[in-house]
C-alpha atoms as a PDB file:
ATOM      1  CA  UNK A   1      83.803 115.566  89.736  1.00  0.00           C
ATOM      2  CA  UNK A   2      85.336 112.211  88.244  1.00  0.00           C
ATOM      3  CA  UNK A   3      86.410 109.812  91.088  1.00  0.00           C
ATOM      4  CA  UNK A   4      90.158 109.425  91.030  1.00  0.00           C
ATOM      5  CA  UNK A   5      89.602 105.575  91.690  1.00  0.00           C
ATOM      6  CA  UNK A   6      86.842 104.430  90.421  1.00  0.00           C
ATOM      7  CA  UNK A   7      86.213 107.295  87.533  1.00  0.00           C
ATOM      8  CA  UNK A   8      82.757 107.234  87.856  1.00  0.00           C
ATOM      9  CA  UNK A   9      81.015 111.179  88.147  1.00  0.00           C
ATOM     10  CA  UNK A  10      80.440 112.542  91.465  1.00  0.00           C
ATOM     11  CA  UNK A  11      78.684 115.638  93.147  1.00  0.00           C
ATOM     12  CA  UNK A  12      80.919 117.496  95.879  1.00  0.00           C
ATOM     13  CA  UNK A  13      79.167 118.596  98.687  1.00  0.00           C
ATOM     14  CA  UNK A  14      78.965 122.193  99.170  1.00  0.00           C
ATOM     15  CA  UNK A  15      79.990 123.710 102.484  1.00  0.00           C
ATOM     16  CA  UNK A  16      81.462 127.227 103.409  1.00  0.00           C
ATOM     17  CA  UNK A  17      85.168 125.907 104.237  1.00  0.00           C
ATOM     18  CA  UNK A  18      85.389 124.976 100.323  1.00  0.00           C
ATOM     19  CA  UNK A  19      83.400 128.233  99.577  1.00  0.00           C
ATOM     20  CA  UNK A  20      86.102 130.163 100.818  1.00  0.00           C
ATOM     21  CA  UNK A  21      88.847 127.531  99.352  1.00  0.00           C
ATOM     22  CA  UNK A  22      89.508 126.553 103.541  1.00  0.00           C
ATOM     23  CA  UNK A  23      89.176 123.031 102.944  1.00  0.00           C
ATOM     24  CA  UNK A  24      90.502 120.999 100.065  1.00  0.00           C
ATOM     25  CA  UNK A  25      88.590 119.933  97.119  1.00  0.00           C
ATOM     26  CA  UNK A  26      86.972 116.425  97.365  1.00  0.00           C
ATOM     27  CA  UNK A  27      88.630 114.012  94.465  1.00  0.00           C
ATOM     28  CA  UNK A  28      87.315 110.923  95.518  1.00  0.00           C
ATOM     29  CA  UNK A  29      83.095 109.801  95.495  1.00  0.00           C
ATOM     30  CA  UNK A  30      82.159 108.982  99.128  1.00  0.00           C
ATOM     31  CA  UNK A  31      81.393 105.191  98.085  1.00  0.00           C
ATOM     32  CA  UNK A  32      85.569 104.835  97.439  1.00  0.00           C
ATOM     33  CA  UNK A  33      86.439 107.159 100.780  1.00  0.00           C
ATOM     34  CA  UNK A  34      84.375 104.689 102.887  1.00  0.00           C
ATOM     35  CA  UNK A  35      86.793 102.284 101.686  1.00  0.00           C
ATOM     36  CA  UNK A  36      89.620 103.383 103.593  1.00  0.00           C
ATOM     37  CA  UNK A  37      90.208 102.379 107.162  1.00  0.00           C
ATOM     38  CA  UNK A  38      92.173 104.201 109.769  1.00  0.00           C
ATOM     39  CA  UNK A  39      94.150 102.187 112.118  1.00  0.00           C
ATOM     40  CA  UNK A  40      92.752 102.633 115.097  1.00  0.00           C
ATOM     41  CA  UNK A  41      95.548 101.536 117.550  1.00  0.00           C
ATOM     42  CA  UNK A  42      98.711 102.369 116.840  1.00  0.00           C
ATOM     43  CA  UNK A  43     101.399  99.396 117.384  1.00  0.00           C
ATOM     44  CA  UNK A  44     104.496  99.739 119.707  1.00  0.00           C
ATOM     45  CA  UNK A  45     106.659  97.762 118.239  1.00  0.00           C
ATOM     46  CA  UNK A  46     109.970  98.894 119.721  1.00  0.00           C
ATOM     47  CA  UNK A  47     110.802  95.411 121.748  1.00  0.00           C
ATOM     48  CA  UNK A  48     111.673  93.401 118.588  1.00  0.00           C
ATOM     49  CA  UNK A  49     114.787  95.924 118.162  1.00  0.00           C
ATOM     50  CA  UNK A  50     115.541  95.328 122.033  1.00  0.00           C
ATOM     51  CA  UNK A  51     119.362  94.024 122.140  1.00  0.00           C
ATOM     52  CA  UNK A  52     120.084  95.229 118.332  1.00  0.00           C
ATOM     53  CA  UNK A  53     121.979  98.582 117.829  1.00  0.00           C
ATOM     54  CA  UNK A  54     118.640 100.013 116.383  1.00  0.00           C
ATOM     55  CA  UNK A  55     117.001 100.209 119.908  1.00  0.00           C
ATOM     56  CA  UNK A  56     115.787 103.125 120.799  1.00  0.00           C
ATOM     57  CA  UNK A  57     116.557 104.445 117.559  1.00  0.00           C
ATOM     58  CA  UNK A  58     113.182 105.203 116.569  1.00  0.00           C
ATOM     59  CA  UNK A  59     110.886 106.932 118.981  1.00  0.00           C
ATOM     60  CA  UNK A  60     107.403 106.355 118.256  1.00  0.00           C
ATOM     61  CA  UNK A  61     105.952 105.681 114.609  1.00  0.00           C
ATOM     62  CA  UNK A  62     102.209 107.153 113.673  1.00  0.00           C
ATOM     63  CA  UNK A  63     100.331 105.474 110.442  1.00  0.00           C
ATOM     64  CA  UNK A  64      97.083 106.472 109.368  1.00  0.00           C
ATOM     65  CA  UNK A  65      95.650 103.458 106.862  1.00  0.00           C
ATOM     66  CA  UNK A  66      95.560  99.894 107.309  1.00  0.00           C
ATOM     67  CA  UNK A  67      96.218  97.939 104.447  1.00  0.00           C
ATOM     68  CA  UNK A  68      92.947  96.269 103.665  1.00  0.00           C
ATOM     69  CA  UNK A  69      91.897  95.235 100.337  1.00  0.00           C
ATOM     70  CA  UNK A  70      90.990  98.567  99.020  1.00  0.00           C
ATOM     71  CA  UNK A  71      94.205 100.016 100.365  1.00  0.00           C
ATOM     72  CA  UNK A  72      96.640  97.565  98.770  1.00  0.00           C
ATOM     73  CA  UNK A  73      94.372  98.142  95.323  1.00  0.00           C
ATOM     74  CA  UNK A  74      94.968 101.710  95.518  1.00  0.00           C
ATOM     75  CA  UNK A  75      98.710 101.376  96.798  1.00  0.00           C
ATOM     76  CA  UNK A  76      99.232  99.341  93.873  1.00  0.00           C
ATOM     77  CA  UNK A  77      97.697 101.482  91.137  1.00  0.00           C
ATOM     78  CA  UNK A  78      99.497 104.490  93.024  1.00  0.00           C
ATOM     79  CA  UNK A  79     103.565 102.968  93.322  1.00  0.00           C
ATOM     80  CA  UNK A  80     103.513 100.328  90.559  1.00  0.00           C
ATOM     81  CA  UNK A  81     101.192 101.793  88.223  1.00  0.00           C
ATOM     82  CA  UNK A  82     102.985 105.476  88.314  1.00  0.00           C
ATOM     83  CA  UNK A  83      99.481 106.958  88.699  1.00  0.00           C
ATOM     84  CA  UNK A  84     100.572 110.008  90.413  1.00  0.00           C
ATOM     85  CA  UNK A  85      96.966 111.579  90.378  1.00  0.00           C
ATOM     86  CA  UNK A  86      96.634 109.493  93.613  1.00  0.00           C
ATOM     87  CA  UNK A  87      98.417 111.744  95.979  1.00  0.00           C
ATOM     88  CA  UNK A  88      95.867 114.084  96.025  1.00  0.00           C
ATOM     89  CA  UNK A  89      93.514 111.866  97.683  1.00  0.00           C
ATOM     90  CA  UNK A  90      95.029 111.952 100.782  1.00  0.00           C
ATOM     91  CA  UNK A  91      96.275 115.583 100.922  1.00  0.00           C
ATOM     92  CA  UNK A  92      93.762 116.058 104.390  1.00  0.00           C
ATOM     93  CA  UNK A  93      95.856 113.728 105.732  1.00  0.00           C
ATOM     94  CA  UNK A  94      99.256 114.647 105.411  1.00  0.00           C
ATOM     95  CA  UNK A  95      98.276 118.729 105.844  1.00  0.00           C
ATOM     96  CA  UNK A  96      98.112 117.792 109.640  1.00  0.00           C
ATOM     97  CA  UNK A  97     102.174 118.150 109.327  1.00  0.00           C
ATOM     98  CA  UNK A  98     101.768 121.596 108.201  1.00  0.00           C
ATOM     99  CA  UNK A  99     100.948 122.216 112.560  1.00  0.00           C
ATOM    100  CA  UNK A 100     104.660 121.240 114.061  1.00  0.00           C
ATOM    101  CA  UNK A 101     107.563 122.380 114.364  1.00  0.00           C
ATOM    102  CA  UNK A 102     109.548 119.420 113.570  1.00  0.00           C
ATOM    103  CA  UNK A 103     111.914 119.017 110.611  1.00  0.00           C
ATOM    104  CA  UNK A 104     110.333 116.662 107.559  1.00  0.00           C
ATOM    105  CA  UNK A 105     112.104 113.848 106.087  1.00  0.00           C
ATOM    106  CA  UNK A 106     110.993 111.412 103.731  1.00  0.00           C
ATOM    107  CA  UNK A 107     112.540 108.019 103.034  1.00  0.00           C
ATOM    108  CA  UNK A 108     114.461 108.539  99.868  1.00  0.00           C
ATOM    109  CA  UNK A 109     114.779 105.997  96.790  1.00  0.00           C
ATOM    110  CA  UNK A 110     117.559 104.688  95.112  1.00  0.00           C
ATOM    111  CA  UNK A 111     118.905 106.789  92.925  1.00  0.00           C
ATOM    112  CA  UNK A 112     118.355 103.857  90.355  1.00  0.00           C
ATOM    113  CA  UNK A 113     114.867 102.935  91.756  1.00  0.00           C
ATOM    114  CA  UNK A 114     114.142 106.112  91.477  1.00  0.00           C
ATOM    115  CA  UNK A 115     114.914 105.981  87.414  1.00  0.00           C
ATOM    116  CA  UNK A 116     112.691 103.083  87.736  1.00  0.00           C
ATOM    117  CA  UNK A 117     109.767 104.815  89.137  1.00  0.00           C
ATOM    118  CA  UNK A 118     110.148 107.903  87.644  1.00  0.00           C
ATOM    119  CA  UNK A 119     108.914 109.812  90.831  1.00  0.00           C
ATOM    120  CA  UNK A 120     109.108 109.527  94.361  1.00  0.00           C
ATOM    121  CA  UNK A 121     105.699 108.097  95.977  1.00  0.00           C
ATOM    122  CA  UNK A 122     106.514 109.553  99.020  1.00  0.00           C
ATOM    123  CA  UNK A 123     107.806 113.177  98.355  1.00  0.00           C
ATOM    124  CA  UNK A 124     104.771 113.205  95.741  1.00  0.00           C
ATOM    125  CA  UNK A 125     102.543 112.716  98.871  1.00  0.00           C
ATOM    126  CA  UNK A 126     104.310 115.760 100.443  1.00  0.00           C
ATOM    127  CA  UNK A 127     104.298 117.751  97.396  1.00  0.00           C
ATOM    128  CA  UNK A 128     100.511 117.819  96.389  1.00  0.00           C
ATOM    129  CA  UNK A 129      99.916 118.709 100.060  1.00  0.00           C
ATOM    130  CA  UNK A 130     101.880 121.588  99.780  1.00  0.00           C
ATOM    131  CA  UNK A 131     104.278 120.343 102.815  1.00  0.00           C
ATOM    132  CA  UNK A 132     108.103 121.385 103.262  1.00  0.00           C
ATOM    133  CA  UNK A 133     110.555 119.072 103.778  1.00  0.00           C
ATOM    134  CA  UNK A 134     113.933 118.567 103.696  1.00  0.00           C
ATOM    135  CA  UNK A 135     116.219 115.983 102.091  1.00  0.00           C
ATOM    136  CA  UNK A 136     119.029 114.759 104.598  1.00  0.00           C
ATOM    137  CA  UNK A 137     119.076 111.471 103.525  1.00  0.00           C
ATOM    138  CA  UNK A 138     120.605 109.314 100.977  1.00  0.00           C
ATOM    139  CA  UNK A 139     119.559 105.140 100.493  1.00  0.00           C
ATOM    140  CA  UNK A 140     122.649 103.780  99.479  1.00  0.00           C
ATOM    141  CA  UNK A 141     121.286 100.116  99.631  1.00  0.00           C
ATOM    142  CA  UNK A 142     118.860  99.384  96.289  1.00  0.00           C
ATOM    143  CA  UNK A 143     117.304  95.968  96.869  1.00  0.00           C
ATOM    144  CA  UNK A 144     113.875  94.707  98.029  1.00  0.00           C
ATOM    145  CA  UNK A 145     113.215  93.366 101.436  1.00  0.00           C
ATOM    146  CA  UNK A 146     110.368  91.546 100.375  1.00  0.00           C
ATOM    147  CA  UNK A 147     110.791  87.867 101.550  1.00  0.00           C
ATOM    148  CA  UNK A 148     113.337  88.276 103.880  1.00  0.00           C
ATOM    149  CA  UNK A 149     112.516  86.947 107.567  1.00  0.00           C
ATOM    150  CA  UNK A 150     112.199  89.648 109.990  1.00  0.00           C
ATOM    151  CA  UNK A 151     115.996  88.523 111.176  1.00  0.00           C
ATOM    152  CA  UNK A 152     117.057  88.646 107.683  1.00  0.00           C
ATOM    153  CA  UNK A 153     115.549  92.476 107.525  1.00  0.00           C
ATOM    154  CA  UNK A 154     116.854  93.550 111.228  1.00  0.00           C
ATOM    155  CA  UNK A 155     120.626  92.001 110.568  1.00  0.00           C
ATOM    156  CA  UNK A 156     120.764  93.592 107.173  1.00  0.00           C
ATOM    157  CA  UNK A 157     123.409  96.401 105.960  1.00  0.00           C
ATOM    158  CA  UNK A 158     122.257 100.227 106.713  1.00  0.00           C
ATOM    159  CA  UNK A 159     120.292 101.861 103.977  1.00  0.00           C
ATOM    160  CA  UNK A 160     121.108 104.965 104.479  1.00  0.00           C
ATOM    161  CA  UNK A 161     123.693 107.405 105.238  1.00  0.00           C
ATOM    162  CA  UNK A 162     123.069 111.552 106.298  1.00  0.00           C
ATOM    163  CA  UNK A 163     124.015 114.001 103.754  1.00  0.00           C
ATOM    164  CA  UNK A 164     123.081 116.918 105.785  1.00  0.00           C
ATOM    165  CA  UNK A 165     123.691 118.598 109.833  1.00  0.00           C
ATOM    166  CA  UNK A 166     120.769 117.132 112.143  1.00  0.00           C
ATOM    167  CA  UNK A 167     122.819 117.765 115.115  1.00  0.00           C
ATOM    168  CA  UNK A 168     120.026 118.511 117.541  1.00  0.00           C
ATOM    169  CA  UNK A 169     116.845 118.353 115.201  1.00  0.00           C
ATOM    170  CA  UNK A 170     113.935 116.821 115.782  1.00  0.00           C
ATOM    171  CA  UNK A 171     112.802 114.949 112.821  1.00  0.00           C
ATOM    172  CA  UNK A 172     109.818 113.502 111.382  1.00  0.00           C
ATOM    173  CA  UNK A 173     110.324 110.477 109.268  1.00  0.00           C
ATOM    174  CA  UNK A 174     107.808 110.247 106.307  1.00  0.00           C
ATOM    175  CA  UNK A 175     106.992 106.981 104.404  1.00  0.00           C
ATOM    176  CA  UNK A 176     104.514 105.273 102.569  1.00  0.00           C
ATOM    177  CA  UNK A 177     104.337 101.732 103.921  1.00  0.00           C
ATOM    178  CA  UNK A 178     105.289  99.721 107.492  1.00  0.00           C
ATOM    179  CA  UNK A 179     105.232  96.457 107.317  1.00  0.00           C
ATOM    180  CA  UNK A 180     108.533  95.762 110.093  1.00  0.00           C
ATOM    181  CA  UNK A 181     109.447  99.164 110.450  1.00  0.00           C
ATOM    182  CA  UNK A 182     113.192  97.933 109.507  1.00  0.00           C
ATOM    183  CA  UNK A 183     113.137 101.056 107.114  1.00  0.00           C
ATOM    184  CA  UNK A 184     112.423 103.320 109.954  1.00  0.00           C
ATOM    185  CA  UNK A 185     114.492 102.001 112.186  1.00  0.00           C
ATOM    186  CA  UNK A 186     117.371 101.951 110.013  1.00  0.00           C
ATOM    187  CA  UNK A 187     116.419 105.758 109.077  1.00  0.00           C
ATOM    188  CA  UNK A 188     116.009 106.550 112.341  1.00  0.00           C
ATOM    189  CA  UNK A 189     119.514 105.167 113.829  1.00  0.00           C
ATOM    190  CA  UNK A 190     121.648 107.100 111.133  1.00  0.00           C
ATOM    191  CA  UNK A 191     120.142 110.287 111.926  1.00  0.00           C
ATOM    192  CA  UNK A 192     120.292 109.180 115.666  1.00  0.00           C
ATOM    193  CA  UNK A 193     124.166 108.513 115.473  1.00  0.00           C
ATOM    194  CA  UNK A 194     124.394 111.963 113.488  1.00  0.00           C
ATOM    195  CA  UNK A 195     123.470 114.108 116.609  1.00  0.00           C
ATOM    196  CA  UNK A 196     119.697 114.372 115.933  1.00  0.00           C
ATOM    197  CA  UNK A 197     117.633 114.606 119.566  1.00  0.00           C
ATOM    198  CA  UNK A 198     114.479 112.524 118.105  1.00  0.00           C
ATOM    199  CA  UNK A 199     113.011 110.725 115.537  1.00  0.00           C
ATOM    200  CA  UNK A 200     109.772 109.764 115.357  1.00  0.00           C
ATOM    201  CA  UNK A 201     107.856 108.775 112.104  1.00  0.00           C
ATOM    202  CA  UNK A 202     104.486 108.864 109.871  1.00  0.00           C
ATOM    203  CA  UNK A 203     103.870 106.701 107.579  1.00  0.00           C
ATOM    204  CA  UNK A 204     100.560 106.497 105.240  1.00  0.00           C
ATOM    205  CA  UNK A 205      99.712 102.691 105.633  1.00  0.00           C
ATOM    206  CA  UNK A 206     100.177 100.141 108.133  1.00  0.00           C
ATOM    207  CA  UNK A 207     100.468  96.863 107.157  1.00  0.00           C
END
């Protein structure tokens, strides 16, 4: 096998699970795999939104990996160098979504940004893991939040509109990177306003 992150050859360990196709084949070597750092404590930043219109919009957030130097390198290669194959690295992490009953909704790119990027990094993570999802959000604002203060991010206009019926639905939002939580809170807010019963979120990375 050739490691997708360091391009070196490695031997995949044998197991009965792999023999009977129960377990996904390895796509990165053990040396690269151990560089990823799992989030040990899920931070709760809901207090940051108390007093705003987004208070209680997002019920909870679960993130998988920390944004360490190794993850930054892999993430940059995936998102900005358009190395879509790297989505396969995280198949086991996203397959846990196959066990839930909630509606899985990826955070969308703005149509103009999708033309630039050529693919949705969030939807690709779900597709390679064979996780079914539903597109109920449309991004209406195309602008970067990089460099803005938390106050500026919180006061910006709403990013999304709802395009399908979500009345009484329980929804899991999926995104790639959680920083201040602005994007997820905006999405959760419009979904709750449209009648969603509960909105939680899962992200690949927590900065």
